[in-house]
């Protein structure tokens, strides 16, 4: 009988936080670059005020802020895959221990599906 491992939300949140902290220097660099370029999604052209929600979104959600307009800024669009990597890895940090604690056999589920294909 397979022994269920304990699911620790605190341990998962710590893993997500550590993963996000690995990405923050890149996101900070993007914000500095956007401010230096006076990218219109980050700095208002007339008043010179900063778009603080957009700056916060760079660290949390990247392209998902402000709908389609958030996908088309010149500063961050070339780096779209980095926030996607951060979000997917954070999701896996939570899902894998949760699935294991529920008794799912991940190895058989992931590898077993391909094992029968060749026979």
N, C-alpha and C. Protein backbone atom coordinates (compact mmCIF):
# COMPACT_ATOMS: atom_id res chain seq x y z
N UNK A 1 0.83 -1.18 0.00
CA UNK A 1 0.00 0.00 0.00
C UNK A 1 0.87 1.24 0.00
N UNK A 2 0.50 2.20 -0.81
CA UNK A 2 1.27 3.42 -0.95
C UNK A 2 0.97 4.34 0.23
N UNK A 3 2.04 4.86 0.83
CA UNK A 3 1.89 5.77 1.95
C UNK A 3 1.72 7.19 1.43
N UNK A 4 0.69 7.88 1.93
CA UNK A 4 0.46 9.26 1.53
C UNK A 4 1.44 10.17 2.27
N UNK A 5 2.04 11.10 1.54
CA UNK A 5 2.90 12.07 2.21
C UNK A 5 2.04 13.25 2.66
N UNK A 6 2.52 13.93 3.66
CA UNK A 6 1.76 15.05 4.20
C UNK A 6 1.90 16.26 3.29
N UNK A 7 0.78 16.95 3.11
CA UNK A 7 0.78 18.18 2.32
C UNK A 7 0.93 19.34 3.29
N UNK A 8 1.95 20.15 3.09
CA UNK A 8 2.18 21.30 3.95
C UNK A 8 2.02 22.57 3.11
N UNK A 9 0.95 23.30 3.38
CA UNK A 9 0.72 24.55 2.65
C UNK A 9 1.85 25.54 2.93
N UNK A 10 2.35 25.56 4.16
CA UNK A 10 3.44 26.48 4.49
C UNK A 10 4.69 26.16 3.66
N UNK A 11 4.97 24.88 3.49
CA UNK A 11 6.13 24.48 2.70
C UNK A 11 5.93 24.84 1.22
N UNK A 12 4.72 24.67 0.72
CA UNK A 12 4.42 25.04 -0.67
C UNK A 12 4.55 26.54 -0.87
N UNK A 13 4.00 27.32 0.05
CA UNK A 13 4.09 28.78 -0.07
C UNK A 13 5.54 29.25 0.02
N UNK A 14 6.32 28.59 0.86
CA UNK A 14 7.74 28.93 0.94
C UNK A 14 8.43 28.64 -0.40
N UNK A 15 8.10 27.50 -1.01
CA UNK A 15 8.67 27.16 -2.31
C UNK A 15 8.29 28.16 -3.39
N UNK A 16 7.03 28.59 -3.37
CA UNK A 16 6.57 29.58 -4.35
C UNK A 16 7.29 30.91 -4.12
N UNK A 17 7.41 31.32 -2.86
CA UNK A 17 8.09 32.58 -2.55
C UNK A 17 9.55 32.54 -3.00
N UNK A 18 10.23 31.43 -2.73
CA UNK A 18 11.63 31.29 -3.15
C UNK A 18 11.73 31.38 -4.68
N UNK A 19 10.81 30.74 -5.37
CA UNK A 19 10.82 30.77 -6.84
C UNK A 19 10.60 32.19 -7.36
N UNK A 20 9.65 32.89 -6.76
CA UNK A 20 9.38 34.27 -7.18
C UNK A 20 10.57 35.19 -6.87
N UNK A 21 11.23 34.95 -5.75
CA UNK A 21 12.40 35.77 -5.41
C UNK A 21 13.55 35.56 -6.39
N UNK A 22 13.62 34.39 -6.99
CA UNK A 22 14.65 34.17 -8.01
C UNK A 22 14.39 35.01 -9.25
N UNK A 23 13.13 35.36 -9.49
CA UNK A 23 12.77 36.12 -10.68
C UNK A 23 12.77 37.63 -10.46
N UNK A 24 12.72 38.12 -9.22
CA UNK A 24 12.51 39.54 -9.00
C UNK A 24 13.61 40.42 -9.59
N UNK A 25 14.90 40.03 -9.61
CA UNK A 25 15.89 40.92 -10.22
C UNK A 25 15.61 41.17 -11.71
N UNK A 26 15.16 40.13 -12.42
CA UNK A 26 14.83 40.31 -13.83
C UNK A 26 13.65 41.27 -13.99
N UNK A 27 12.64 41.10 -13.15
CA UNK A 27 11.48 41.98 -13.23
C UNK A 27 11.84 43.41 -12.86
N UNK A 28 12.70 43.57 -11.85
CA UNK A 28 13.14 44.91 -11.47
C UNK A 28 13.90 45.57 -12.62
N UNK A 29 14.74 44.80 -13.31
CA UNK A 29 15.47 45.33 -14.46
C UNK A 29 14.51 45.79 -15.56
N UNK A 30 13.46 45.00 -15.79
CA UNK A 30 12.47 45.36 -16.81
C UNK A 30 11.79 46.68 -16.45
N UNK A 31 11.44 46.85 -15.17
CA UNK A 31 10.78 48.09 -14.74
C UNK A 31 11.73 49.28 -14.91
N UNK A 32 12.97 49.11 -14.51
CA UNK A 32 13.95 50.21 -14.69
C UNK A 32 14.11 50.54 -16.16
N UNK A 33 14.20 49.53 -17.01
CA UNK A 33 14.31 49.75 -18.45
C UNK A 33 13.09 50.50 -18.98
N UNK A 34 11.91 50.09 -18.55
CA UNK A 34 10.67 50.74 -19.00
C UNK A 34 10.64 52.20 -18.56
N UNK A 35 11.07 52.47 -17.35
CA UNK A 35 11.07 53.85 -16.86
C UNK A 35 12.09 54.69 -17.60
N UNK A 36 13.27 54.14 -17.85
CA UNK A 36 14.29 54.87 -18.60
C UNK A 36 13.85 55.16 -20.04
N UNK A 37 13.13 54.22 -20.64
CA UNK A 37 12.64 54.40 -22.01
C UNK A 37 11.38 55.26 -22.05
N UNK A 38 10.83 55.54 -20.85
CA UNK A 38 9.57 56.28 -20.73
C UNK A 38 8.48 55.58 -21.55
N UNK A 39 8.44 54.25 -21.39
CA UNK A 39 7.43 53.43 -22.06
C UNK A 39 6.05 53.96 -21.66
N UNK A 40 5.18 54.24 -22.65
CA UNK A 40 3.87 54.85 -22.34
C UNK A 40 2.98 54.02 -21.44
N UNK A 41 3.18 52.72 -21.33
CA UNK A 41 2.39 51.93 -20.40
C UNK A 41 2.89 52.06 -18.96
N UNK A 42 4.07 52.60 -18.78
CA UNK A 42 4.64 52.75 -17.45
C UNK A 42 4.70 54.20 -16.99
N UNK A 43 4.87 55.12 -17.93
CA UNK A 43 4.99 56.55 -17.60
C UNK A 43 4.05 57.33 -18.50
N UNK A 44 3.18 58.15 -17.90
CA UNK A 44 2.26 58.98 -18.67
C UNK A 44 3.06 60.05 -19.40
N UNK A 45 2.85 60.19 -20.70
CA UNK A 45 3.64 61.11 -21.52
C UNK A 45 3.41 62.57 -21.14
N UNK A 46 2.16 62.95 -20.83
CA UNK A 46 1.87 64.35 -20.52
C UNK A 46 2.29 64.73 -19.10
N UNK A 47 1.86 63.97 -18.13
CA UNK A 47 2.10 64.36 -16.74
C UNK A 47 3.39 63.79 -16.16
N UNK A 48 3.92 62.73 -16.75
CA UNK A 48 5.13 62.10 -16.24
C UNK A 48 4.90 61.22 -15.03
N UNK A 49 3.61 60.97 -14.69
CA UNK A 49 3.32 60.13 -13.53
C UNK A 49 3.53 58.66 -13.87
N UNK A 50 3.87 57.90 -12.85
CA UNK A 50 4.12 56.47 -13.02
C UNK A 50 2.81 55.69 -12.95
N UNK A 51 2.71 54.65 -13.73
CA UNK A 51 1.58 53.75 -13.69
C UNK A 51 1.91 52.65 -12.68
N UNK A 52 1.63 52.93 -11.41
CA UNK A 52 2.00 52.03 -10.32
C UNK A 52 1.33 50.65 -10.45
N UNK A 53 0.03 50.56 -10.81
CA UNK A 53 -0.54 49.21 -10.98
C UNK A 53 0.20 48.39 -12.04
N UNK A 54 0.64 49.02 -13.09
CA UNK A 54 1.39 48.31 -14.14
C UNK A 54 2.74 47.84 -13.62
N UNK A 55 3.39 48.68 -12.82
CA UNK A 55 4.69 48.31 -12.25
C UNK A 55 4.51 47.12 -11.30
N UNK A 56 3.48 47.15 -10.47
CA UNK A 56 3.22 46.03 -9.56
C UNK A 56 2.88 44.77 -10.36
N UNK A 57 2.14 44.93 -11.45
CA UNK A 57 1.75 43.78 -12.28
C UNK A 57 2.96 43.08 -12.88
N UNK A 58 4.02 43.80 -13.15
CA UNK A 58 5.23 43.18 -13.69
C UNK A 58 5.75 42.11 -12.74
N UNK A 59 5.65 42.38 -11.43
CA UNK A 59 6.16 41.42 -10.45
C UNK A 59 5.19 40.30 -10.16
N UNK A 60 3.90 40.50 -10.48
CA UNK A 60 2.89 39.51 -10.11
C UNK A 60 2.30 38.80 -11.32
N UNK A 61 1.85 39.55 -12.31
CA UNK A 61 1.06 38.95 -13.38
C UNK A 61 1.60 39.19 -14.78
N UNK A 62 2.52 40.07 -14.98
CA UNK A 62 3.10 40.48 -16.27
C UNK A 62 2.05 40.80 -17.32
N UNK A 63 1.83 39.94 -18.25
CA UNK A 63 1.00 40.26 -19.41
C UNK A 63 -0.49 40.29 -19.13
N UNK A 64 -0.89 39.82 -17.98
CA UNK A 64 -2.32 39.68 -17.74
C UNK A 64 -2.94 40.97 -17.24
N UNK A 65 -2.12 41.97 -16.96
CA UNK A 65 -2.63 43.25 -16.47
C UNK A 65 -3.13 44.10 -17.63
N UNK A 66 -4.29 44.68 -17.48
CA UNK A 66 -4.83 45.64 -18.45
C UNK A 66 -5.22 44.99 -19.78
N UNK A 67 -5.61 43.74 -19.76
CA UNK A 67 -6.12 43.08 -20.96
C UNK A 67 -5.11 43.00 -22.09
N UNK A 68 -5.60 43.11 -23.31
CA UNK A 68 -4.74 42.98 -24.50
C UNK A 68 -3.66 44.05 -24.53
N UNK A 69 -3.99 45.22 -24.03
CA UNK A 69 -3.00 46.30 -24.01
C UNK A 69 -1.75 45.88 -23.24
N UNK A 70 -1.92 45.06 -22.20
CA UNK A 70 -0.78 44.60 -21.42
C UNK A 70 0.15 43.67 -22.19
N UNK A 71 -0.33 43.08 -23.26
CA UNK A 71 0.50 42.19 -24.07
C UNK A 71 1.37 42.95 -25.05
N UNK A 72 1.05 44.19 -25.31
CA UNK A 72 1.68 44.88 -26.43
C UNK A 72 2.57 46.05 -26.03
N UNK A 73 3.18 46.01 -24.87
CA UNK A 73 4.13 47.08 -24.55
C UNK A 73 5.51 46.69 -25.08
N UNK A 74 6.25 47.67 -25.52
CA UNK A 74 7.52 47.41 -26.19
C UNK A 74 8.60 46.88 -25.25
N UNK A 75 8.49 47.20 -23.98
CA UNK A 75 9.55 46.82 -23.05
C UNK A 75 9.48 45.36 -22.66
N UNK A 76 8.29 44.86 -22.35
CA UNK A 76 8.21 43.53 -21.74
C UNK A 76 7.75 42.42 -22.67
N UNK A 77 7.16 42.72 -23.80
CA UNK A 77 6.65 41.67 -24.68
C UNK A 77 7.73 40.68 -25.11
N UNK A 78 8.96 41.12 -25.42
CA UNK A 78 9.98 40.13 -25.80
C UNK A 78 10.33 39.14 -24.68
N UNK A 79 9.96 39.45 -23.44
CA UNK A 79 10.30 38.60 -22.31
C UNK A 79 9.09 37.85 -21.75
N UNK A 80 8.09 37.61 -22.58
CA UNK A 80 6.83 37.02 -22.11
C UNK A 80 7.04 35.65 -21.47
N UNK A 81 8.03 34.90 -21.90
CA UNK A 81 8.19 33.53 -21.39
C UNK A 81 8.69 33.48 -19.95
N UNK A 82 9.37 34.50 -19.50
CA UNK A 82 9.88 34.48 -18.13
C UNK A 82 8.78 34.48 -17.08
N UNK A 83 7.78 35.37 -17.17
CA UNK A 83 6.68 35.28 -16.20
C UNK A 83 5.88 33.99 -16.35
N UNK A 84 5.76 33.48 -17.56
CA UNK A 84 5.05 32.21 -17.75
C UNK A 84 5.79 31.10 -17.01
N UNK A 85 7.12 31.08 -17.12
CA UNK A 85 7.93 30.09 -16.41
C UNK A 85 7.73 30.23 -14.90
N UNK A 86 7.71 31.47 -14.41
CA UNK A 86 7.51 31.70 -12.98
C UNK A 86 6.15 31.18 -12.53
N UNK A 87 5.10 31.46 -13.30
CA UNK A 87 3.75 31.05 -12.90
C UNK A 87 3.58 29.53 -12.97
N UNK A 88 4.08 28.91 -14.02
CA UNK A 88 3.93 27.45 -14.15
C UNK A 88 4.73 26.73 -13.08
N UNK A 89 5.94 27.18 -12.83
CA UNK A 89 6.74 26.50 -11.80
C UNK A 89 6.11 26.69 -10.42
N UNK A 90 5.54 27.87 -10.14
CA UNK A 90 4.85 28.08 -8.86
C UNK A 90 3.63 27.16 -8.75
N UNK A 91 2.92 26.99 -9.85
CA UNK A 91 1.77 26.09 -9.86
C UNK A 91 2.19 24.65 -9.59
N UNK A 92 3.26 24.21 -10.21
CA UNK A 92 3.75 22.84 -10.00
C UNK A 92 4.25 22.64 -8.57
N UNK A 93 4.84 23.68 -7.97
CA UNK A 93 5.31 23.58 -6.59
C UNK A 93 4.16 23.24 -5.66
N UNK A 94 2.96 23.71 -5.99
CA UNK A 94 1.78 23.44 -5.17
C UNK A 94 1.10 22.15 -5.59
N UNK A 95 0.93 21.92 -6.89
CA UNK A 95 0.14 20.78 -7.36
C UNK A 95 0.78 19.42 -7.10
N UNK A 96 2.08 19.31 -7.28
CA UNK A 96 2.73 18.00 -7.12
C UNK A 96 2.61 17.50 -5.68
N UNK A 97 2.96 18.29 -4.65
CA UNK A 97 2.77 17.78 -3.29
C UNK A 97 1.30 17.53 -2.94
N UNK A 98 0.42 18.36 -3.47
CA UNK A 98 -1.01 18.16 -3.22
C UNK A 98 -1.48 16.83 -3.81
N UNK A 99 -1.09 16.56 -5.04
CA UNK A 99 -1.47 15.30 -5.69
C UNK A 99 -0.87 14.11 -4.95
N UNK A 100 0.36 14.25 -4.52
CA UNK A 100 1.02 13.16 -3.78
C UNK A 100 0.31 12.90 -2.45
N UNK A 101 -0.11 13.98 -1.77
CA UNK A 101 -0.79 13.81 -0.48
C UNK A 101 -2.16 13.17 -0.66
N UNK A 102 -2.74 13.28 -1.84
CA UNK A 102 -4.04 12.68 -2.12
C UNK A 102 -3.90 11.22 -2.57
N UNK A 103 -2.67 10.75 -2.65
CA UNK A 103 -2.44 9.35 -2.99
C UNK A 103 -2.32 9.09 -4.48
N UNK A 104 -2.22 10.12 -5.28
CA UNK A 104 -2.07 9.90 -6.71
C UNK A 104 -0.66 9.41 -6.99
N UNK A 105 -0.56 8.41 -7.85
CA UNK A 105 0.74 7.91 -8.24
C UNK A 105 1.17 8.67 -9.49
N UNK A 106 1.93 9.73 -9.28
CA UNK A 106 2.31 10.60 -10.39
C UNK A 106 3.21 9.89 -11.39
N UNK A 107 4.13 9.07 -10.88
CA UNK A 107 5.06 8.38 -11.78
C UNK A 107 4.30 7.45 -12.71
N UNK A 108 3.38 6.68 -12.17
CA UNK A 108 2.60 5.76 -13.01
C UNK A 108 1.68 6.54 -13.95
N UNK A 109 1.13 7.62 -13.45
CA UNK A 109 0.21 8.42 -14.27
C UNK A 109 0.91 9.11 -15.43
N UNK A 110 2.11 9.60 -15.18
CA UNK A 110 2.83 10.32 -16.22
C UNK A 110 3.63 9.41 -17.13
N UNK A 111 4.29 8.42 -16.55
CA UNK A 111 5.14 7.54 -17.35
C UNK A 111 4.38 6.31 -17.85
N UNK A 112 3.38 5.87 -17.10
CA UNK A 112 2.63 4.67 -17.48
C UNK A 112 1.82 4.88 -18.74
N UNK A 113 1.44 6.11 -19.02
CA UNK A 113 0.63 6.38 -20.20
C UNK A 113 1.44 6.11 -21.47
N UNK A 114 2.75 6.33 -21.42
CA UNK A 114 3.58 6.10 -22.60
C UNK A 114 4.10 4.67 -22.66
N UNK A 115 4.12 3.97 -21.51
CA UNK A 115 4.68 2.62 -21.49
C UNK A 115 3.86 1.65 -22.32
N UNK A 116 2.53 1.79 -22.30
CA UNK A 116 1.69 0.87 -23.03
C UNK A 116 1.59 1.18 -24.51
N UNK A 117 2.06 2.33 -24.92
CA UNK A 117 1.93 2.74 -26.32
C UNK A 117 2.78 1.89 -27.25
N UNK A 118 3.94 1.42 -26.77
CA UNK A 118 4.83 0.66 -27.65
C UNK A 118 4.49 -0.82 -27.69
N UNK A 119 3.67 -1.31 -26.76
CA UNK A 119 3.38 -2.74 -26.75
C UNK A 119 2.19 -3.10 -27.57
